[in-house]
Amino acid sequence: MTETIASAAGRFIEHKRAHGRKYHSEARELALLVRFAAGRDVSCLGELTPALLEDFLASRPRLKRIQYRPALIGFLAQTGLSLEPEPP
């Protein structure tokens, strides 16, 4: 996958908004993920690993971590990624 995380997140938000959802807080949450990944020199979807996603969630305060999961899981599902590591 050569698509960037930022463009995939943008498409995800546009898709949700096209169906009448506001998705303001989710857009901010995904922007934080994009910045977090960029801080670790990760920009392509193919480089987004379950370990990096877990690091991102761990970096958020506990109450915030719970709120991130639904938007993050929806984004991952639409992009074909998962929080689960691939079997060896």
PDB file of N, CA and C in Angstrom:
ATOM      1  N   MET A   1       0.843  -1.180   0.000  1.00  0.00           N
ATOM      2  CA  MET A   1       0.000   0.000   0.000  1.00  0.00           C
ATOM      3  C   MET A   1       0.879   1.231   0.000  1.00  0.00           C
ATOM      4  N   THR A   2       0.701   2.064  -0.982  1.00  0.00           N
ATOM      5  CA  THR A   2       1.504   3.284  -1.039  1.00  0.00           C
ATOM      6  C   THR A   2       0.713   4.518  -0.641  1.00  0.00           C
ATOM      7  N   GLU A   3      -0.577   4.341  -0.364  1.00  0.00           N
ATOM      8  CA  GLU A   3      -1.387   5.482   0.043  1.00  0.00           C
ATOM      9  C   GLU A   3      -0.911   5.982   1.399  1.00  0.00           C
ATOM     10  N   THR A   4      -0.924   7.288   1.575  1.00  0.00           N
ATOM     11  CA  THR A   4      -0.489   7.842   2.856  1.00  0.00           C
ATOM     12  C   THR A   4      -1.590   7.696   3.894  1.00  0.00           C
ATOM     13  N   ILE A   5      -1.172   7.685   5.134  1.00  0.00           N
ATOM     14  CA  ILE A   5      -2.117   7.594   6.244  1.00  0.00           C
ATOM     15  C   ILE A   5      -3.021   8.831   6.224  1.00  0.00           C
ATOM     16  N   ALA A   6      -2.431   9.982   5.941  1.00  0.00           N
ATOM     17  CA  ALA A   6      -3.203  11.230   5.928  1.00  0.00           C
ATOM     18  C   ALA A   6      -4.290  11.208   4.857  1.00  0.00           C
ATOM     19  N   SER A   7      -3.965  10.740   3.656  1.00  0.00           N
ATOM     20  CA  SER A   7      -4.984  10.727   2.604  1.00  0.00           C
ATOM     21  C   SER A   7      -6.059   9.689   2.897  1.00  0.00           C
ATOM     22  N   ALA A   8      -5.681   8.547   3.454  1.00  0.00           N
ATOM     23  CA  ALA A   8      -6.668   7.524   3.811  1.00  0.00           C
ATOM     24  C   ALA A   8      -7.585   8.034   4.919  1.00  0.00           C
ATOM     25  N   ALA A   9      -7.017   8.721   5.894  1.00  0.00           N
ATOM     26  CA  ALA A   9      -7.830   9.283   6.974  1.00  0.00           C
ATOM     27  C   ALA A   9      -8.784  10.333   6.420  1.00  0.00           C
ATOM     28  N   GLY A  10      -8.304  11.155   5.497  1.00  0.00           N
ATOM     29  CA  GLY A  10      -9.158  12.168   4.869  1.00  0.00           C
ATOM     30  C   GLY A  10     -10.307  11.546   4.101  1.00  0.00           C
ATOM     31  N   ARG A  11     -10.014  10.485   3.347  1.00  0.00           N
ATOM     32  CA  ARG A  11     -11.071   9.789   2.604  1.00  0.00           C
ATOM     33  C   ARG A  11     -12.093   9.176   3.552  1.00  0.00           C
ATOM     34  N   PHE A  12     -11.608   8.599   4.663  1.00  0.00           N
ATOM     35  CA  PHE A  12     -12.495   7.990   5.652  1.00  0.00           C
ATOM     36  C   PHE A  12     -13.453   9.034   6.225  1.00  0.00           C
ATOM     37  N   ILE A  13     -12.923  10.185   6.611  1.00  0.00           N
ATOM     38  CA  ILE A  13     -13.747  11.248   7.182  1.00  0.00           C
ATOM     39  C   ILE A  13     -14.740  11.761   6.142  1.00  0.00           C
ATOM     40  N   GLU A  14     -14.291  11.971   4.906  1.00  0.00           N
ATOM     41  CA  GLU A  14     -15.196  12.420   3.839  1.00  0.00           C
ATOM     42  C   GLU A  14     -16.325  11.417   3.618  1.00  0.00           C
ATOM     43  N   HIS A  15     -15.995  10.139   3.636  1.00  0.00           N
ATOM     44  CA  HIS A  15     -16.993   9.088   3.452  1.00  0.00           C
ATOM     45  C   HIS A  15     -18.046   9.142   4.552  1.00  0.00           C
ATOM     46  N   LYS A  16     -17.610   9.263   5.793  1.00  0.00           N
ATOM     47  CA  LYS A  16     -18.543   9.309   6.917  1.00  0.00           C
ATOM     48  C   LYS A  16     -19.416  10.559   6.838  1.00  0.00           C
ATOM     49  N   ARG A  17     -18.812  11.696   6.470  1.00  0.00           N
ATOM     50  CA  ARG A  17     -19.576  12.939   6.375  1.00  0.00           C
ATOM     51  C   ARG A  17     -20.570  12.895   5.222  1.00  0.00           C
ATOM     52  N   ALA A  18     -20.241  12.190   4.160  1.00  0.00           N
ATOM     53  CA  ALA A  18     -21.160  12.049   3.027  1.00  0.00           C
ATOM     54  C   ALA A  18     -22.425  11.299   3.436  1.00  0.00           C
ATOM     55  N   HIS A  19     -22.329  10.532   4.512  1.00  0.00           N
ATOM     56  CA  HIS A  19     -23.478   9.792   5.023  1.00  0.00           C
ATOM     57  C   HIS A  19     -24.164  10.528   6.167  1.00  0.00           C
ATOM     58  N   GLY A  20     -23.881  11.819   6.279  1.00  0.00           N
ATOM     59  CA  GLY A  20     -24.583  12.652   7.250  1.00  0.00           C
ATOM     60  C   GLY A  20     -23.980  12.712   8.637  1.00  0.00           C
ATOM     61  N   ARG A  21     -22.830  12.153   8.814  1.00  0.00           N
ATOM     62  CA  ARG A  21     -22.191  12.210  10.136  1.00  0.00           C
ATOM     63  C   ARG A  21     -21.266  13.419  10.195  1.00  0.00           C
ATOM     64  N   LYS A  22     -21.126  13.984  11.378  1.00  0.00           N
ATOM     65  CA  LYS A  22     -20.260  15.161  11.516  1.00  0.00           C
ATOM     66  C   LYS A  22     -18.790  14.770  11.592  1.00  0.00           C
ATOM     67  N   TYR A  23     -18.461  13.823  12.435  1.00  0.00           N
ATOM     68  CA  TYR A  23     -17.114  13.277  12.582  1.00  0.00           C
ATOM     69  C   TYR A  23     -16.049  14.343  12.838  1.00  0.00           C
ATOM     70  N   HIS A  24     -16.363  15.330  13.673  1.00  0.00           N
ATOM     71  CA  HIS A  24     -15.371  16.366  14.004  1.00  0.00           C
ATOM     72  C   HIS A  24     -14.300  15.829  14.952  1.00  0.00           C
ATOM     73  N   SER A  25     -14.729  15.197  16.054  1.00  0.00           N
ATOM     74  CA  SER A  25     -13.740  14.698  17.022  1.00  0.00           C
ATOM     75  C   SER A  25     -12.936  13.551  16.425  1.00  0.00           C
ATOM     76  N   GLU A  26     -13.572  12.729  15.601  1.00  0.00           N
ATOM     77  CA  GLU A  26     -12.859  11.621  14.965  1.00  0.00           C
ATOM     78  C   GLU A  26     -11.791  12.138  14.009  1.00  0.00           C
ATOM     79  N   ALA A  27     -12.087  13.242  13.317  1.00  0.00           N
ATOM     80  CA  ALA A  27     -11.095  13.851  12.416  1.00  0.00           C
ATOM     81  C   ALA A  27      -9.881  14.315  13.216  1.00  0.00           C
ATOM     82  N   ARG A  28     -10.122  14.897  14.390  1.00  0.00           N
ATOM     83  CA  ARG A  28      -8.999  15.331  15.247  1.00  0.00           C
ATOM     84  C   ARG A  28      -8.202  14.135  15.745  1.00  0.00           C
ATOM     85  N   GLU A  29      -8.906  13.058  16.105  1.00  0.00           N
ATOM     86  CA  GLU A  29      -8.232  11.857  16.602  1.00  0.00           C
ATOM     87  C   GLU A  29      -7.346  11.244  15.515  1.00  0.00           C
ATOM     88  N   LEU A  30      -7.866  11.173  14.298  1.00  0.00           N
ATOM     89  CA  LEU A  30      -7.065  10.609  13.210  1.00  0.00           C
ATOM     90  C   LEU A  30      -5.909  11.534  12.843  1.00  0.00           C
ATOM     91  N   ALA A  31      -6.102  12.847  12.980  1.00  0.00           N
ATOM     92  CA  ALA A  31      -4.999  13.779  12.741  1.00  0.00           C
ATOM     93  C   ALA A  31      -3.877  13.539  13.761  1.00  0.00           C
ATOM     94  N   LEU A  32      -4.252  13.221  15.001  1.00  0.00           N
ATOM     95  CA  LEU A  32      -3.243  12.889  16.017  1.00  0.00           C
ATOM     96  C   LEU A  32      -2.487  11.618  15.631  1.00  0.00           C
ATOM     97  N   LEU A  33      -3.202  10.638  15.092  1.00  0.00           N
ATOM     98  CA  LEU A  33      -2.546   9.411  14.645  1.00  0.00           C
ATOM     99  C   LEU A  33      -1.577   9.709  13.510  1.00  0.00           C
ATOM    100  N   VAL A  34      -1.981  10.546  12.567  1.00  0.00           N
ATOM    101  CA  VAL A  34      -1.111  10.908  11.440  1.00  0.00           C
ATOM    102  C   VAL A  34       0.158  11.577  11.963  1.00  0.00           C
ATOM    103  N   ARG A  35       0.005  12.524  12.905  1.00  0.00           N
ATOM    104  CA  ARG A  35       1.183  13.207  13.469  1.00  0.00           C
ATOM    105  C   ARG A  35       2.061  12.241  14.258  1.00  0.00           C
ATOM    106  N   PHE A  36       1.434  11.349  15.025  1.00  0.00           N
ATOM    107  CA  PHE A  36       2.180  10.362  15.809  1.00  0.00           C
ATOM    108  C   PHE A  36       3.015   9.484  14.877  1.00  0.00           C
ATOM    109  N   ALA A  37       2.389   8.995  13.812  1.00  0.00           N
ATOM    110  CA  ALA A  37       3.093   8.140  12.849  1.00  0.00           C
ATOM    111  C   ALA A  37       4.214   8.916  12.167  1.00  0.00           C
ATOM    112  N   ALA A  38       3.947  10.152  11.786  1.00  0.00           N
ATOM    113  CA  ALA A  38       4.975  10.967  11.125  1.00  0.00           C
ATOM    114  C   ALA A  38       6.171  11.182  12.051  1.00  0.00           C
ATOM    115  N   GLY A  39       5.902  11.311  13.339  1.00  0.00           N
ATOM    116  CA  GLY A  39       6.978  11.461  14.312  1.00  0.00           C
ATOM    117  C   GLY A  39       7.869  10.237  14.405  1.00  0.00           C
ATOM    118  N   ARG A  40       7.373   9.130  13.904  1.00  0.00           N
ATOM    119  CA  ARG A  40       8.148   7.879  13.867  1.00  0.00           C
ATOM    120  C   ARG A  40       8.522   7.493  12.432  1.00  0.00           C
ATOM    121  N   ASP A  41       8.522   8.515  11.558  1.00  0.00           N
ATOM    122  CA  ASP A  41       8.883   8.337  10.141  1.00  0.00           C
ATOM    123  C   ASP A  41       8.038   7.297   9.429  1.00  0.00           C
ATOM    124  N   VAL A  42       6.745   7.246   9.759  1.00  0.00           N
ATOM    125  CA  VAL A  42       5.807   6.341   9.097  1.00  0.00           C
ATOM    126  C   VAL A  42       4.765   7.217   8.407  1.00  0.00           C
ATOM    127  N   SER A  43       4.637   7.083   7.093  1.00  0.00           N
ATOM    128  CA  SER A  43       3.655   7.889   6.382  1.00  0.00           C
ATOM    129  C   SER A  43       2.712   7.057   5.516  1.00  0.00           C
ATOM    130  N   CYS A  44       3.120   5.857   5.136  1.00  0.00           N
ATOM    131  CA  CYS A  44       2.294   5.004   4.273  1.00  0.00           C
ATOM    132  C   CYS A  44       1.459   4.040   5.096  1.00  0.00           C
ATOM    133  N   LEU A  45       0.268   3.745   4.599  1.00  0.00           N
ATOM    134  CA  LEU A  45      -0.604   2.792   5.287  1.00  0.00           C
ATOM    135  C   LEU A  45       0.077   1.447   5.492  1.00  0.00           C
ATOM    136  N   GLY A  46       0.850   1.012   4.521  1.00  0.00           N
ATOM    137  CA  GLY A  46       1.512  -0.280   4.613  1.00  0.00           C
ATOM    138  C   GLY A  46       2.522  -0.360   5.746  1.00  0.00           C
ATOM    139  N   GLU A  47       2.967   0.786   6.237  1.00  0.00           N
ATOM    140  CA  GLU A  47       3.949   0.821   7.322  1.00  0.00           C
ATOM    141  C   GLU A  47       3.281   0.910   8.692  1.00  0.00           C
ATOM    142  N   LEU A  48       1.971   1.050   8.707  1.00  0.00           N
ATOM    143  CA  LEU A  48       1.225   1.181   9.957  1.00  0.00           C
ATOM    144  C   LEU A  48       1.017  -0.218  10.547  1.00  0.00           C
ATOM    145  N   THR A  49       1.722  -0.504  11.620  1.00  0.00           N
ATOM    146  CA  THR A  49       1.701  -1.837  12.217  1.00  0.00           C
ATOM    147  C   THR A  49       0.838  -1.866  13.478  1.00  0.00           C
ATOM    148  N   PRO A  50       0.398  -3.050  13.884  1.00  0.00           N
ATOM    149  CA  PRO A  50      -0.335  -3.154  15.149  1.00  0.00           C
ATOM    150  C   PRO A  50       0.479  -2.612  16.329  1.00  0.00           C
ATOM    151  N   ALA A  51       1.776  -2.834  16.325  1.00  0.00           N
ATOM    152  CA  ALA A  51       2.621  -2.332  17.423  1.00  0.00           C
ATOM    153  C   ALA A  51       2.611  -0.808  17.461  1.00  0.00           C
ATOM    154  N   LEU A  52       2.690  -0.169  16.292  1.00  0.00           N
ATOM    155  CA  LEU A  52       2.659   1.293  16.242  1.00  0.00           C
ATOM    156  C   LEU A  52       1.303   1.811  16.720  1.00  0.00           C
ATOM    157  N   LEU A  53       0.230   1.146  16.326  1.00  0.00           N
ATOM    158  CA  LEU A  53      -1.105   1.553  16.778  1.00  0.00           C
ATOM    159  C   LEU A  53      -1.253   1.393  18.284  1.00  0.00           C
ATOM    160  N   GLU A  54      -0.716   0.323  18.823  1.00  0.00           N
ATOM    161  CA  GLU A  54      -0.756   0.133  20.282  1.00  0.00           C
ATOM    162  C   GLU A  54       0.077   1.201  20.986  1.00  0.00           C
ATOM    163  N   ASP A  55       1.218   1.560  20.412  1.00  0.00           N
ATOM    164  CA  ASP A  55       2.028   2.644  20.980  1.00  0.00           C
ATOM    165  C   ASP A  55       1.253   3.956  20.967  1.00  0.00           C
ATOM    166  N   PHE A  56       0.535   4.199  19.878  1.00  0.00           N
ATOM    167  CA  PHE A  56      -0.283   5.413  19.781  1.00  0.00           C
ATOM    168  C   PHE A  56      -1.342   5.421  20.878  1.00  0.00           C
ATOM    169  N   LEU A  57      -2.068   4.314  21.019  1.00  0.00           N
ATOM    170  CA  LEU A  57      -3.102   4.250  22.051  1.00  0.00           C
ATOM    171  C   LEU A  57      -2.502   4.388  23.449  1.00  0.00           C
ATOM    172  N   ALA A  58      -1.347   3.788  23.664  1.00  0.00           N
ATOM    173  CA  ALA A  58      -0.695   3.874  24.976  1.00  0.00           C
ATOM    174  C   ALA A  58      -0.231   5.299  25.282  1.00  0.00           C
ATOM    175  N   SER A  59       0.023   6.077  24.241  1.00  0.00           N
ATOM    176  CA  SER A  59       0.497   7.446  24.444  1.00  0.00           C
ATOM    177  C   SER A  59      -0.630   8.394  24.853  1.00  0.00           C
ATOM    178  N   ARG A  60      -1.867   7.962  24.693  1.00  0.00           N
ATOM    179  CA  ARG A  60      -3.023   8.791  25.030  1.00  0.00           C
ATOM    180  C   ARG A  60      -3.417   8.546  26.482  1.00  0.00           C
ATOM    181  N   PRO A  61      -3.956   9.559  27.157  1.00  0.00           N
ATOM    182  CA  PRO A  61      -4.456   9.339  28.517  1.00  0.00           C
ATOM    183  C   PRO A  61      -5.523   8.239  28.528  1.00  0.00           C
ATOM    184  N   ARG A  62      -5.634   7.521  29.630  1.00  0.00           N
ATOM    185  CA  ARG A  62      -6.526   6.355  29.705  1.00  0.00           C
ATOM    186  C   ARG A  62      -7.951   6.647  29.245  1.00  0.00           C
ATOM    187  N   LEU A  63      -8.560   7.718  29.744  1.00  0.00           N
ATOM    188  CA  LEU A  63      -9.932   8.022  29.347  1.00  0.00           C
ATOM    189  C   LEU A  63     -10.010   8.319  27.852  1.00  0.00           C
ATOM    190  N   LYS A  64      -9.020   8.987  27.327  1.00  0.00           N
ATOM    191  CA  LYS A  64      -9.006   9.298  25.900  1.00  0.00           C
ATOM    192  C   LYS A  64      -8.825   8.028  25.080  1.00  0.00           C
ATOM    193  N   ARG A  65      -8.015   7.085  25.583  1.00  0.00           N
ATOM    194  CA  ARG A  65      -7.752   5.837  24.857  1.00  0.00           C
ATOM    195  C   ARG A  65      -9.046   5.105  24.531  1.00  0.00           C
ATOM    196  N   ILE A  66      -9.960   5.085  25.469  1.00  0.00           N
ATOM    197  CA  ILE A  66     -11.233   4.400  25.275  1.00  0.00           C
ATOM    198  C   ILE A  66     -12.022   5.080  24.157  1.00  0.00           C
ATOM    199  N   GLN A  67     -11.976   6.404  24.113  1.00  0.00           N
ATOM    200  CA  GLN A  67     -12.717   7.149  23.112  1.00  0.00           C
ATOM    201  C   GLN A  67     -12.125   6.975  21.708  1.00  0.00           C
ATOM    202  N   TYR A  68     -10.839   6.726  21.597  1.00  0.00           N
ATOM    203  CA  TYR A  68     -10.195   6.608  20.293  1.00  0.00           C
ATOM    204  C   TYR A  68     -10.554   5.311  19.590  1.00  0.00           C
ATOM    205  N   ARG A  69     -10.783   4.281  20.339  1.00  0.00           N
ATOM    206  CA  ARG A  69     -10.951   2.959  19.733  1.00  0.00           C
ATOM    207  C   ARG A  69     -12.035   2.868  18.668  1.00  0.00           C
ATOM    208  N   PRO A  70     -13.266   3.354  18.882  1.00  0.00           N
ATOM    209  CA  PRO A  70     -14.277   3.190  17.830  1.00  0.00           C
ATOM    210  C   PRO A  70     -13.892   3.844  16.505  1.00  0.00           C
ATOM    211  N   ALA A  71     -13.413   5.077  16.548  1.00  0.00           N
ATOM    212  CA  ALA A  71     -13.023   5.754  15.305  1.00  0.00           C
ATOM    213  C   ALA A  71     -11.827   5.071  14.676  1.00  0.00           C
ATOM    214  N   LEU A  72     -10.873   4.667  15.485  1.00  0.00           N
ATOM    215  CA  LEU A  72      -9.676   4.011  14.977  1.00  0.00           C
ATOM    216  C   LEU A  72     -10.025   2.658  14.358  1.00  0.00           C
ATOM    217  N   ILE A  73     -10.873   1.899  15.014  1.00  0.00           N
ATOM    218  CA  ILE A  73     -11.257   0.586  14.484  1.00  0.00           C
ATOM    219  C   ILE A  73     -12.034   0.741  13.178  1.00  0.00           C
ATOM    220  N   GLY A  74     -12.911   1.729  13.095  1.00  0.00           N
ATOM    221  CA  GLY A  74     -13.635   1.983  11.855  1.00  0.00           C
ATOM    222  C   GLY A  74     -12.700   2.358  10.722  1.00  0.00           C
ATOM    223  N   PHE A  75     -11.730   3.209  11.022  1.00  0.00           N
ATOM    224  CA  PHE A  75     -10.736   3.624  10.026  1.00  0.00           C
ATOM    225  C   PHE A  75      -9.925   2.419   9.559  1.00  0.00           C
ATOM    226  N   LEU A  76      -9.479   1.610  10.502  1.00  0.00           N
ATOM    227  CA  LEU A  76      -8.677   0.436  10.152  1.00  0.00           C
ATOM    228  C   LEU A  76      -9.478  -0.548   9.311  1.00  0.00           C
ATOM    229  N   ALA A  77     -10.736  -0.746   9.661  1.00  0.00           N
ATOM    230  CA  ALA A  77     -11.577  -1.670   8.901  1.00  0.00           C
ATOM    231  C   ALA A  77     -11.747  -1.202   7.460  1.00  0.00           C
ATOM    232  N   GLN A  78     -11.947   0.101   7.283  1.00  0.00           N
ATOM    233  CA  GLN A  78     -12.145   0.621   5.928  1.00  0.00           C
ATOM    234  C   GLN A  78     -10.861   0.552   5.106  1.00  0.00           C
ATOM    235  N   THR A  79      -9.720   0.652   5.761  1.00  0.00           N
ATOM    236  CA  THR A  79      -8.450   0.622   5.032  1.00  0.00           C
ATOM    237  C   THR A  79      -7.863  -0.778   4.944  1.00  0.00           C
ATOM    238  N   GLY A  80      -8.512  -1.749   5.568  1.00  0.00           N
ATOM    239  CA  GLY A  80      -8.042  -3.131   5.496  1.00  0.00           C
ATOM    240  C   GLY A  80      -6.942  -3.457   6.484  1.00  0.00           C
ATOM    241  N   LEU A  81      -6.753  -2.624   7.505  1.00  0.00           N
ATOM    242  CA  LEU A  81      -5.733  -2.868   8.526  1.00  0.00           C
ATOM    243  C   LEU A  81      -6.398  -3.387   9.791  1.00  0.00           C
ATOM    244  N   SER A  82      -5.585  -3.824  10.736  1.00  0.00           N
ATOM    245  CA  SER A  82      -6.114  -4.390  11.973  1.00  0.00           C
ATOM    246  C   SER A  82      -5.184  -4.069  13.129  1.00  0.00           C
ATOM    247  N   LEU A  83      -5.741  -4.074  14.326  1.00  0.00           N
ATOM    248  CA  LEU A  83      -4.924  -3.934  15.528  1.00  0.00           C
ATOM    249  C   LEU A  83      -4.254  -5.259  15.885  1.00  0.00           C
ATOM    250  N   GLU A  84      -4.739  -6.340  15.298  1.00  0.00           N
ATOM    251  CA  GLU A  84      -4.189  -7.668  15.582  1.00  0.00           C
ATOM    252  C   GLU A  84      -2.922  -7.904  14.758  1.00  0.00           C
ATOM    253  N   PRO A  85      -1.870  -8.415  15.387  1.00  0.00           N
ATOM    254  CA  PRO A  85      -0.657  -8.727  14.617  1.00  0.00           C
ATOM    255  C   PRO A  85      -0.918  -9.860  13.642  1.00  0.00           C
ATOM    256  N   GLU A  86      -0.189  -9.835  12.519  1.00  0.00           N
ATOM    257  CA  GLU A  86      -0.318 -10.903  11.529  1.00  0.00           C
ATOM    258  C   GLU A  86       0.338 -12.164  12.081  1.00  0.00           C
ATOM    259  N   PRO A  87      -0.252 -13.335  11.826  1.00  0.00           N
ATOM    260  CA  PRO A  87       0.364 -14.577  12.307  1.00  0.00           C
ATOM    261  C   PRO A  87       1.697 -14.804  11.581  1.00  0.00           C
ATOM    262  N   PRO A  88       2.640 -15.455  12.273  1.00  0.00           N
ATOM    263  CA  PRO A  88       3.967 -15.668  11.655  1.00  0.00           C
ATOM    264  C   PRO A  88       3.918 -16.607  10.474  1.00  0.00           C
TER     265      PRO A  88
END
